[in-house]
Structures are given as C-alpha cells and as structure tokens.
Amino acid sequence: MTRARRFASLDLTARFDRSYRRLSASLQRQCDEALAQLLTEPVAPGLHLKPIRPSNHYWEARVDRGHRLILLPVGDAAYVIDIVVHDDIAKWSVPR
C-alpha cells in the first residue's frame, strides 16, 4: 500500500461543507491546516494519509486524534467527501 499520493487539487463537496459548518472554530482551523497540507505535503506523518481498507476506494487523512477527512481520489485530484469522527470510518470501507 502506498501513501505517496499527491493531489493537484481538492474539490470540497456539499456534504463536506455541511459537516464543516457544524465544527467548532478550533476544529475548523485544524481542518483547514490538514487540507492545505494535503496539497503541499501529503506524506507528512501527521496526516496519516491512507486508503480505507478493505476496499481502498476511499482514503482518510487525519485532522486530529478523533476526526478524519474522507477523500475520493480521481486522477490527480481528490473529492473531499466528509469529515467524520474516527469511529465512523468503517462505513466508508466498502465501495459505493
């Protein structure tokens, strides 16, 4: 499994926007930093960018200890689908 994935662009979905607006200001700042880092340094150890197993269809990136960004890579871009608590990652492990 490779984590060396670079994205030329990130497209934020409406679902992500709704989830983002419900976050605290502090968590929004952390999310903004994680999104910026995905574009500039996606292999940074703090992001833990990796496919969600077993399907490997969606990817996750760490925002903080309890929150993850859900990504759908398409070519050299990625759709930022949602931000979820870590315990909800399992529902993204099957192809949609």
PDB file of N, CA and C in Angstrom:
ATOM      1  N   MET A   1       0.850  -1.175   0.000  1.00  0.00           N
ATOM      2  CA  MET A   1       0.000   0.000   0.000  1.00  0.00           C
ATOM      3  C   MET A   1       0.891   1.232   0.000  1.00  0.00           C
ATOM      4  N   THR A   2       0.628   2.122  -0.925  1.00  0.00           N
ATOM      5  CA  THR A   2       1.421   3.343  -0.992  1.00  0.00           C
ATOM      6  C   THR A   2       0.649   4.526  -0.424  1.00  0.00           C
ATOM      7  N   ARG A   3       1.341   5.335   0.311  1.00  0.00           N
ATOM      8  CA  ARG A   3       0.739   6.551   0.844  1.00  0.00           C
ATOM      9  C   ARG A   3       1.282   7.780   0.136  1.00  0.00           C
ATOM     10  N   ALA A   4       2.188   7.577  -0.810  1.00  0.00           N
ATOM     11  CA  ALA A   4       2.813   8.682  -1.523  1.00  0.00           C
ATOM     12  C   ALA A   4       1.866   9.168  -2.617  1.00  0.00           C
ATOM     13  N   ARG A   5       0.822   9.837  -2.211  1.00  0.00           N
ATOM     14  CA  ARG A   5      -0.208  10.297  -3.137  1.00  0.00           C
ATOM     15  C   ARG A   5      -0.212  11.813  -3.139  1.00  0.00           C
ATOM     16  N   ARG A   6      -0.026  12.417  -4.295  1.00  0.00           N
ATOM     17  CA  ARG A   6      -0.073  13.876  -4.406  1.00  0.00           C
ATOM     18  C   ARG A   6      -1.323  14.267  -5.176  1.00  0.00           C
ATOM     19  N   PHE A   7      -1.972  15.317  -4.727  1.00  0.00           N
ATOM     20  CA  PHE A   7      -3.179  15.807  -5.372  1.00  0.00           C
ATOM     21  C   PHE A   7      -2.925  17.191  -5.945  1.00  0.00           C
ATOM     22  N   ALA A   8      -3.292  17.385  -7.210  1.00  0.00           N
ATOM     23  CA  ALA A   8      -3.151  18.693  -7.835  1.00  0.00           C
ATOM     24  C   ALA A   8      -4.233  19.643  -7.338  1.00  0.00           C
ATOM     25  N   SER A   9      -5.392  19.069  -6.968  1.00  0.00           N
ATOM     26  CA  SER A   9      -6.482  19.898  -6.462  1.00  0.00           C
ATOM     27  C   SER A   9      -7.370  19.087  -5.530  1.00  0.00           C
ATOM     28  N   LEU A  10      -8.087  19.813  -4.696  1.00  0.00           N
ATOM     29  CA  LEU A  10      -9.070  19.220  -3.804  1.00  0.00           C
ATOM     30  C   LEU A  10     -10.409  19.890  -4.087  1.00  0.00           C
ATOM     31  N   ASP A  11     -11.421  19.094  -4.335  1.00  0.00           N
ATOM     32  CA  ASP A  11     -12.764  19.616  -4.565  1.00  0.00           C
ATOM     33  C   ASP A  11     -13.618  19.297  -3.346  1.00  0.00           C
ATOM     34  N   LEU A  12     -14.134  20.335  -2.700  1.00  0.00           N
ATOM     35  CA  LEU A  12     -14.934  20.166  -1.498  1.00  0.00           C
ATOM     36  C   LEU A  12     -16.389  19.928  -1.893  1.00  0.00           C
ATOM     37  N   THR A  13     -16.975  18.862  -1.373  1.00  0.00           N
ATOM     38  CA  THR A  13     -18.359  18.526  -1.698  1.00  0.00           C
ATOM     39  C   THR A  13     -19.330  19.255  -0.763  1.00  0.00           C
ATOM     40  N   ALA A  14     -20.599  19.282  -1.155  1.00  0.00           N
ATOM     41  CA  ALA A  14     -21.639  19.890  -0.321  1.00  0.00           C
ATOM     42  C   ALA A  14     -21.752  19.155   1.012  1.00  0.00           C
ATOM     43  N   ARG A  15     -21.592  17.857   0.972  1.00  0.00           N
ATOM     44  CA  ARG A  15     -21.647  17.069   2.208  1.00  0.00           C
ATOM     45  C   ARG A  15     -20.545  17.511   3.173  1.00  0.00           C
ATOM     46  N   PHE A  16     -19.331  17.683   2.639  1.00  0.00           N
ATOM     47  CA  PHE A  16     -18.228  18.165   3.461  1.00  0.00           C
ATOM     48  C   PHE A  16     -18.552  19.544   4.033  1.00  0.00           C
ATOM     49  N   ASP A  17     -19.057  20.447   3.184  1.00  0.00           N
ATOM     50  CA  ASP A  17     -19.385  21.796   3.637  1.00  0.00           C
ATOM     51  C   ASP A  17     -20.362  21.776   4.814  1.00  0.00           C
ATOM     52  N   ARG A  18     -21.387  20.923   4.742  1.00  0.00           N
ATOM     53  CA  ARG A  18     -22.357  20.833   5.843  1.00  0.00           C
ATOM     54  C   ARG A  18     -21.684  20.352   7.127  1.00  0.00           C
ATOM     55  N   SER A  19     -20.846  19.341   7.017  1.00  0.00           N
ATOM     56  CA  SER A  19     -20.144  18.817   8.189  1.00  0.00           C
ATOM     57  C   SER A  19     -19.180  19.855   8.754  1.00  0.00           C
ATOM     58  N   TYR A  20     -18.487  20.545   7.875  1.00  0.00           N
ATOM     59  CA  TYR A  20     -17.506  21.560   8.273  1.00  0.00           C
ATOM     60  C   TYR A  20     -18.167  22.676   9.071  1.00  0.00           C
ATOM     61  N   ARG A  21     -19.338  23.133   8.611  1.00  0.00           N
ATOM     62  CA  ARG A  21     -20.035  24.228   9.294  1.00  0.00           C
ATOM     63  C   ARG A  21     -20.460  23.853  10.711  1.00  0.00           C
ATOM     64  N   ARG A  22     -20.626  22.571  10.990  1.00  0.00           N
ATOM     65  CA  ARG A  22     -21.035  22.129  12.326  1.00  0.00           C
ATOM     66  C   ARG A  22     -19.855  22.020  13.297  1.00  0.00           C
ATOM     67  N   LEU A  23     -18.632  22.152  12.807  1.00  0.00           N
ATOM     68  CA  LEU A  23     -17.445  22.030  13.653  1.00  0.00           C
ATOM     69  C   LEU A  23     -17.210  23.302  14.461  1.00  0.00           C
ATOM     70  N   SER A  24     -16.502  23.144  15.557  1.00  0.00           N
ATOM     71  CA  SER A  24     -16.080  24.315  16.334  1.00  0.00           C
ATOM     72  C   SER A  24     -15.051  25.096  15.517  1.00  0.00           C
ATOM     73  N   ALA A  25     -14.851  26.353  15.886  1.00  0.00           N
ATOM     74  CA  ALA A  25     -13.873  27.192  15.184  1.00  0.00           C
ATOM     75  C   ALA A  25     -12.476  26.583  15.262  1.00  0.00           C
ATOM     76  N   SER A  26     -12.130  26.029  16.398  1.00  0.00           N
ATOM     77  CA  SER A  26     -10.819  25.399  16.572  1.00  0.00           C
ATOM     78  C   SER A  26     -10.655  24.199  15.640  1.00  0.00           C
ATOM     79  N   LEU A  27     -11.668  23.381  15.557  1.00  0.00           N
ATOM     80  CA  LEU A  27     -11.596  22.206  14.687  1.00  0.00           C
ATOM     81  C   LEU A  27     -11.631  22.606  13.217  1.00  0.00           C
ATOM     82  N   GLN A  28     -12.327  23.683  12.886  1.00  0.00           N
ATOM     83  CA  GLN A  28     -12.304  24.194  11.512  1.00  0.00           C
ATOM     84  C   GLN A  28     -10.892  24.617  11.122  1.00  0.00           C
ATOM     85  N   ARG A  29     -10.184  25.280  12.042  1.00  0.00           N
ATOM     86  CA  ARG A  29      -8.792  25.686  11.763  1.00  0.00           C
ATOM     87  C   ARG A  29      -7.910  24.462  11.525  1.00  0.00           C
ATOM     88  N   GLN A  30      -8.083  23.423  12.353  1.00  0.00           N
ATOM     89  CA  GLN A  30      -7.292  22.206  12.175  1.00  0.00           C
ATOM     90  C   GLN A  30      -7.620  21.546  10.832  1.00  0.00           C
ATOM     91  N   CYS A  31      -8.876  21.574  10.463  1.00  0.00           N
ATOM     92  CA  CYS A  31      -9.302  21.007   9.182  1.00  0.00           C
ATOM     93  C   CYS A  31      -8.683  21.796   8.023  1.00  0.00           C
ATOM     94  N   ASP A  32      -8.700  23.130   8.126  1.00  0.00           N
ATOM     95  CA  ASP A  32      -8.087  23.979   7.100  1.00  0.00           C
ATOM     96  C   ASP A  32      -6.605  23.652   6.947  1.00  0.00           C
ATOM     97  N   GLU A  33      -5.927  23.457   8.067  1.00  0.00           N
ATOM     98  CA  GLU A  33      -4.495  23.125   8.033  1.00  0.00           C
ATOM     99  C   GLU A  33      -4.269  21.762   7.376  1.00  0.00           C
ATOM    100  N   ALA A  34      -5.119  20.794   7.685  1.00  0.00           N
ATOM    101  CA  ALA A  34      -4.979  19.465   7.084  1.00  0.00           C
ATOM    102  C   ALA A  34      -5.218  19.533   5.575  1.00  0.00           C
ATOM    103  N   LEU A  35      -6.212  20.296   5.141  1.00  0.00           N
ATOM    104  CA  LEU A  35      -6.486  20.438   3.708  1.00  0.00           C
ATOM    105  C   LEU A  35      -5.301  21.095   2.986  1.00  0.00           C
ATOM    106  N   ALA A  36      -4.742  22.132   3.589  1.00  0.00           N
ATOM    107  CA  ALA A  36      -3.578  22.793   2.990  1.00  0.00           C
ATOM    108  C   ALA A  36      -2.402  21.835   2.909  1.00  0.00           C
ATOM    109  N   GLN A  37      -2.206  21.043   3.949  1.00  0.00           N
ATOM    110  CA  GLN A  37      -1.100  20.100   3.971  1.00  0.00           C
ATOM    111  C   GLN A  37      -1.285  18.993   2.936  1.00  0.00           C
ATOM    112  N   LEU A  38      -2.521  18.616   2.654  1.00  0.00           N
ATOM    113  CA  LEU A  38      -2.769  17.605   1.621  1.00  0.00           C
ATOM    114  C   LEU A  38      -2.244  18.063   0.263  1.00  0.00           C
ATOM    115  N   LEU A  39      -2.309  19.360   0.011  1.00  0.00           N
ATOM    116  CA  LEU A  39      -1.817  19.888  -1.265  1.00  0.00           C
ATOM    117  C   LEU A  39      -0.317  20.121  -1.270  1.00  0.00           C
ATOM    118  N   THR A  40       0.243  20.520  -0.134  1.00  0.00           N
ATOM    119  CA  THR A  40       1.657  20.885  -0.108  1.00  0.00           C
ATOM    120  C   THR A  40       2.573  19.759   0.342  1.00  0.00           C
ATOM    121  N   GLU A  41       2.119  18.931   1.273  1.00  0.00           N
ATOM    122  CA  GLU A  41       2.964  17.869   1.816  1.00  0.00           C
ATOM    123  C   GLU A  41       2.108  16.673   2.260  1.00  0.00           C
ATOM    124  N   PRO A  42       1.529  15.965   1.291  1.00  0.00           N
ATOM    125  CA  PRO A  42       0.591  14.886   1.630  1.00  0.00           C
ATOM    126  C   PRO A  42       1.217  13.702   2.354  1.00  0.00           C
ATOM    127  N   VAL A  43       2.521  13.590   2.314  1.00  0.00           N
ATOM    128  CA  VAL A  43       3.168  12.468   3.008  1.00  0.00           C
ATOM    129  C   VAL A  43       3.595  12.845   4.423  1.00  0.00           C
ATOM    130  N   ALA A  44       3.171  14.006   4.903  1.00  0.00           N
ATOM    131  CA  ALA A  44       3.505  14.422   6.265  1.00  0.00           C
ATOM    132  C   ALA A  44       2.987  13.378   7.246  1.00  0.00           C
ATOM    133  N   PRO A  45       3.798  13.006   8.214  1.00  0.00           N
ATOM    134  CA  PRO A  45       3.391  11.948   9.136  1.00  0.00           C
ATOM    135  C   PRO A  45       2.136  12.278   9.939  1.00  0.00           C
ATOM    136  N   GLY A  46       1.855  13.536  10.191  1.00  0.00           N
ATOM    137  CA  GLY A  46       0.683  13.904  10.967  1.00  0.00           C
ATOM    138  C   GLY A  46      -0.632  13.634  10.263  1.00  0.00           C
ATOM    139  N   LEU A  47      -0.614  13.607   8.928  1.00  0.00           N
ATOM    140  CA  LEU A  47      -1.845  13.371   8.172  1.00  0.00           C
ATOM    141  C   LEU A  47      -2.277  11.909   8.174  1.00  0.00           C
ATOM    142  N   HIS A  48      -1.314  11.020   8.189  1.00  0.00           N
ATOM    143  CA  HIS A  48      -1.604   9.580   8.104  1.00  0.00           C
ATOM    144  C   HIS A  48      -2.502   9.281   6.906  1.00  0.00           C
ATOM    145  N   LEU A  49      -2.211   9.882   5.770  1.00  0.00           N
ATOM    146  CA  LEU A  49      -2.990   9.677   4.550  1.00  0.00           C
ATOM    147  C   LEU A  49      -2.873   8.224   4.113  1.00  0.00           C
ATOM    148  N   LYS A  50      -4.030   7.562   3.965  1.00  0.00           N
ATOM    149  CA  LYS A  50      -4.009   6.148   3.571  1.00  0.00           C
ATOM    150  C   LYS A  50      -5.381   5.724   3.073  1.00  0.00           C
ATOM    151  N   PRO A  51      -5.402   4.650   2.276  1.00  0.00           N
ATOM    152  CA  PRO A  51      -6.690   4.107   1.832  1.00  0.00           C
ATOM    153  C   PRO A  51      -7.442   3.490   3.006  1.00  0.00           C
ATOM    154  N   ILE A  52      -8.763   3.531   2.920  1.00  0.00           N
ATOM    155  CA  ILE A  52      -9.591   2.893   3.933  1.00  0.00           C
ATOM    156  C   ILE A  52      -9.815   1.453   3.488  1.00  0.00           C
ATOM    157  N   ARG A  53      -9.375   0.528   4.292  1.00  0.00           N
ATOM    158  CA  ARG A  53      -9.462  -0.889   3.957  1.00  0.00           C
ATOM    159  C   ARG A  53     -10.789  -1.469   4.391  1.00  0.00           C
ATOM    160  N   PRO A  54     -11.273  -2.516   3.772  1.00  0.00           N
ATOM    161  CA  PRO A  54     -10.591  -3.341   2.787  1.00  0.00           C
ATOM    162  C   PRO A  54     -10.755  -2.877   1.342  1.00  0.00           C
ATOM    163  N   SER A  55     -11.653  -1.948   1.070  1.00  0.00           N
ATOM    164  CA  SER A  55     -11.943  -1.615  -0.330  1.00  0.00           C
ATOM    165  C   SER A  55     -10.868  -0.771  -0.998  1.00  0.00           C
ATOM    166  N   ASN A  56     -10.190   0.073  -0.234  1.00  0.00           N
ATOM    167  CA  ASN A  56      -9.194   1.004  -0.767  1.00  0.00           C
ATOM    168  C   ASN A  56      -9.786   2.012  -1.744  1.00  0.00           C
ATOM    169  N   HIS A  57     -11.124   2.125  -1.796  1.00  0.00           N
ATOM    170  CA  HIS A  57     -11.802   3.049  -2.702  1.00  0.00           C
ATOM    171  C   HIS A  57     -11.695   4.486  -2.181  1.00  0.00           C
ATOM    172  N   TYR A  58     -12.011   4.666  -0.911  1.00  0.00           N
ATOM    173  CA  TYR A  58     -11.907   5.967  -0.254  1.00  0.00           C
ATOM    174  C   TYR A  58     -10.616   6.022   0.550  1.00  0.00           C
ATOM    175  N   TRP A  59     -10.136   7.239   0.777  1.00  0.00           N
ATOM    176  CA  TRP A  59      -8.940   7.443   1.583  1.00  0.00           C
ATOM    177  C   TRP A  59      -9.296   8.288   2.791  1.00  0.00           C
ATOM    178  N   GLU A  60      -8.467   8.216   3.811  1.00  0.00           N
ATOM    179  CA  GLU A  60      -8.655   9.034   5.004  1.00  0.00           C
ATOM    180  C   GLU A  60      -7.387   9.829   5.284  1.00  0.00           C
ATOM    181  N   ALA A  61      -7.588  10.999   5.878  1.00  0.00           N
ATOM    182  CA  ALA A  61      -6.479  11.835   6.339  1.00  0.00           C
ATOM    183  C   ALA A  61      -6.848  12.356   7.719  1.00  0.00           C
ATOM    184  N   ARG A  62      -5.901  12.364   8.610  1.00  0.00           N
ATOM    185  CA  ARG A  62      -6.137  12.765   9.992  1.00  0.00           C
ATOM    186  C   ARG A  62      -6.225  14.287  10.117  1.00  0.00           C
ATOM    187  N   VAL A  63      -7.232  14.730  10.842  1.00  0.00           N
ATOM    188  CA  VAL A  63      -7.368  16.151  11.197  1.00  0.00           C
ATOM    189  C   VAL A  63      -6.845  16.333  12.620  1.00  0.00           C
ATOM    190  N   ASP A  64      -7.301  15.479  13.517  1.00  0.00           N
ATOM    191  CA  ASP A  64      -6.801  15.433  14.896  1.00  0.00           C
ATOM    192  C   ASP A  64      -6.980  13.999  15.376  1.00  0.00           C
ATOM    193  N   ARG A  65      -6.830  13.771  16.661  1.00  0.00           N
ATOM    194  CA  ARG A  65      -6.913  12.387  17.173  1.00  0.00           C
ATOM    195  C   ARG A  65      -8.269  11.747  16.915  1.00  0.00           C
ATOM    196  N   GLY A  66      -9.325  12.539  16.842  1.00  0.00           N
ATOM    197  CA  GLY A  66     -10.649  11.955  16.730  1.00  0.00           C
ATOM    198  C   GLY A  66     -11.390  12.208  15.442  1.00  0.00           C
ATOM    199  N   HIS A  67     -10.837  13.004  14.516  1.00  0.00           N
ATOM    200  CA  HIS A  67     -11.551  13.358  13.287  1.00  0.00           C
ATOM    201  C   HIS A  67     -10.721  13.035  12.048  1.00  0.00           C
ATOM    202  N   ARG A  68     -11.431  12.583  11.011  1.00  0.00           N
ATOM    203  CA  ARG A  68     -10.768  12.220   9.759  1.00  0.00           C
ATOM    204  C   ARG A  68     -11.473  12.856   8.570  1.00  0.00           C
ATOM    205  N   LEU A  69     -10.689  13.262   7.582  1.00  0.00           N
ATOM    206  CA  LEU A  69     -11.227  13.679   6.299  1.00  0.00           C
ATOM    207  C   LEU A  69     -11.421  12.428   5.445  1.00  0.00           C
ATOM    208  N   ILE A  70     -12.524  12.351   4.718  1.00  0.00           N
ATOM    209  CA  ILE A  70     -12.784  11.258   3.796  1.00  0.00           C
ATOM    210  C   ILE A  70     -12.570  11.801   2.388  1.00  0.00           C
ATOM    211  N   LEU A  71     -11.698  11.146   1.634  1.00  0.00           N
ATOM    212  CA  LEU A  71     -11.330  11.592   0.293  1.00  0.00           C
ATOM    213  C   LEU A  71     -11.665  10.527  -0.742  1.00  0.00           C
ATOM    214  N   LEU A  72     -12.016  10.979  -1.931  1.00  0.00           N
ATOM    215  CA  LEU A  72     -12.190  10.084  -3.069  1.00  0.00           C
ATOM    216  C   LEU A  72     -11.226  10.545  -4.154  1.00  0.00           C
ATOM    217  N   PRO A  73     -10.079   9.861  -4.299  1.00  0.00           N
ATOM    218  CA  PRO A  73      -9.116  10.245  -5.339  1.00  0.00           C
ATOM    219  C   PRO A  73      -9.661   9.932  -6.737  1.00  0.00           C
ATOM    220  N   VAL A  74      -9.497  10.898  -7.636  1.00  0.00           N
ATOM    221  CA  VAL A  74      -9.879  10.724  -9.034  1.00  0.00           C
ATOM    222  C   VAL A  74      -8.772  11.360  -9.866  1.00  0.00           C
ATOM    223  N   GLY A  75      -7.956  10.522 -10.483  1.00  0.00           N
ATOM    224  CA  GLY A  75      -6.809  11.036 -11.216  1.00  0.00           C
ATOM    225  C   GLY A  75      -5.865  11.752 -10.269  1.00  0.00           C
ATOM    226  N   ASP A  76      -5.485  12.983 -10.635  1.00  0.00           N
ATOM    227  CA  ASP A  76      -4.569  13.725  -9.773  1.00  0.00           C
ATOM    228  C   ASP A  76      -5.306  14.687  -8.830  1.00  0.00           C
ATOM    229  N   ALA A  77      -6.622  14.560  -8.772  1.00  0.00           N
ATOM    230  CA  ALA A  77      -7.436  15.375  -7.869  1.00  0.00           C
ATOM    231  C   ALA A  77      -8.087  14.471  -6.828  1.00  0.00           C
ATOM    232  N   ALA A  78      -8.738  15.098  -5.866  1.00  0.00           N
ATOM    233  CA  ALA A  78      -9.478  14.333  -4.860  1.00  0.00           C
ATOM    234  C   ALA A  78     -10.711  15.125  -4.459  1.00  0.00           C
ATOM    235  N   TYR A  79     -11.807  14.409  -4.306  1.00  0.00           N
ATOM    236  CA  TYR A  79     -13.021  14.993  -3.749  1.00  0.00           C
ATOM    237  C   TYR A  79     -12.943  14.821  -2.235  1.00  0.00           C
ATOM    238  N   VAL A  80     -13.141  15.898  -1.514  1.00  0.00           N
ATOM    239  CA  VAL A  80     -13.194  15.818  -0.055  1.00  0.00           C
ATOM    240  C   VAL A  80     -14.663  15.587   0.275  1.00  0.00           C
ATOM    241  N   ILE A  81     -14.984  14.350   0.627  1.00  0.00           N
ATOM    242  CA  ILE A  81     -16.366  13.914   0.780  1.00  0.00           C
ATOM    243  C   ILE A  81     -16.966  14.350   2.111  1.00  0.00           C
ATOM    244  N   ASP A  82     -16.215  14.200   3.199  1.00  0.00           N
ATOM    245  CA  ASP A  82     -16.795  14.446   4.517  1.00  0.00           C
ATOM    246  C   ASP A  82     -15.684  14.572   5.551  1.00  0.00           C
ATOM    247  N   ILE A  83     -16.056  15.031   6.723  1.00  0.00           N
ATOM    248  CA  ILE A  83     -15.193  14.960   7.892  1.00  0.00           C
ATOM    249  C   ILE A  83     -16.009  14.224   8.946  1.00  0.00           C
ATOM    250  N   VAL A  84     -15.420  13.146   9.476  1.00  0.00           N
ATOM    251  CA  VAL A  84     -16.149  12.271  10.398  1.00  0.00           C
ATOM    252  C   VAL A  84     -15.305  11.985  11.629  1.00  0.00           C
ATOM    253  N   VAL A  85     -15.969  11.504  12.671  1.00  0.00           N
ATOM    254  CA  VAL A  85     -15.219  11.035  13.828  1.00  0.00           C
ATOM    255  C   VAL A  85     -14.587   9.698  13.457  1.00  0.00           C
ATOM    256  N   HIS A  86     -13.471   9.412  14.070  1.00  0.00           N
ATOM    257  CA  HIS A  86     -12.700   8.224  13.719  1.00  0.00           C
ATOM    258  C   HIS A  86     -13.533   6.944  13.765  1.00  0.00           C
ATOM    259  N   ASP A  87     -14.433   6.840  14.722  1.00  0.00           N
ATOM    260  CA  ASP A  87     -15.234   5.620  14.865  1.00  0.00           C
ATOM    261  C   ASP A  87     -16.176   5.388  13.682  1.00  0.00           C
ATOM    262  N   ASP A  88     -16.422   6.399  12.857  1.00  0.00           N
ATOM    263  CA  ASP A  88     -17.318   6.251  11.702  1.00  0.00           C
ATOM    264  C   ASP A  88     -16.588   5.875  10.414  1.00  0.00           C
ATOM    265  N   ILE A  89     -15.286   5.648  10.481  1.00  0.00           N
ATOM    266  CA  ILE A  89     -14.504   5.306   9.288  1.00  0.00           C
ATOM    267  C   ILE A  89     -14.993   4.007   8.646  1.00  0.00           C
ATOM    268  N   ALA A  90     -15.412   3.041   9.439  1.00  0.00           N
ATOM    269  CA  ALA A  90     -15.780   1.720   8.921  1.00  0.00           C
ATOM    270  C   ALA A  90     -16.868   1.786   7.845  1.00  0.00           C
ATOM    271  N   LYS A  91     -17.775   2.743   7.939  1.00  0.00           N
ATOM    272  CA  LYS A  91     -18.846   2.793   6.945  1.00  0.00           C
ATOM    273  C   LYS A  91     -18.337   3.219   5.568  1.00  0.00           C
ATOM    274  N   TRP A  92     -17.127   3.716   5.501  1.00  0.00           N
ATOM    275  CA  TRP A  92     -16.513   4.116   4.228  1.00  0.00           C
ATOM    276  C   TRP A  92     -15.603   3.022   3.672  1.00  0.00           C
ATOM    277  N   SER A  93     -15.571   1.860   4.295  1.00  0.00           N
ATOM    278  CA  SER A  93     -14.638   0.817   3.883  1.00  0.00           C
ATOM    279  C   SER A  93     -15.178  -0.079   2.769  1.00  0.00           C
ATOM    280  N   VAL A  94     -16.402   0.139   2.340  1.00  0.00           N
ATOM    281  CA  VAL A  94     -16.973  -0.662   1.253  1.00  0.00           C
ATOM    282  C   VAL A  94     -17.174   0.234   0.036  1.00  0.00           C
ATOM    283  N   PRO A  95     -16.990  -0.314  -1.165  1.00  0.00           N
ATOM    284  CA  PRO A  95     -17.180   0.506  -2.386  1.00  0.00           C
ATOM    285  C   PRO A  95     -18.612   1.027  -2.470  1.00  0.00           C
ATOM    286  N   ARG A  96     -18.767   2.218  -2.983  1.00  0.00           N
ATOM    287  CA  ARG A  96     -20.109   2.808  -3.157  1.00  0.00           C
ATOM    288  C   ARG A  96     -20.412   2.991  -4.609  1.00  0.00           C
TER     289      ARG A  96
END
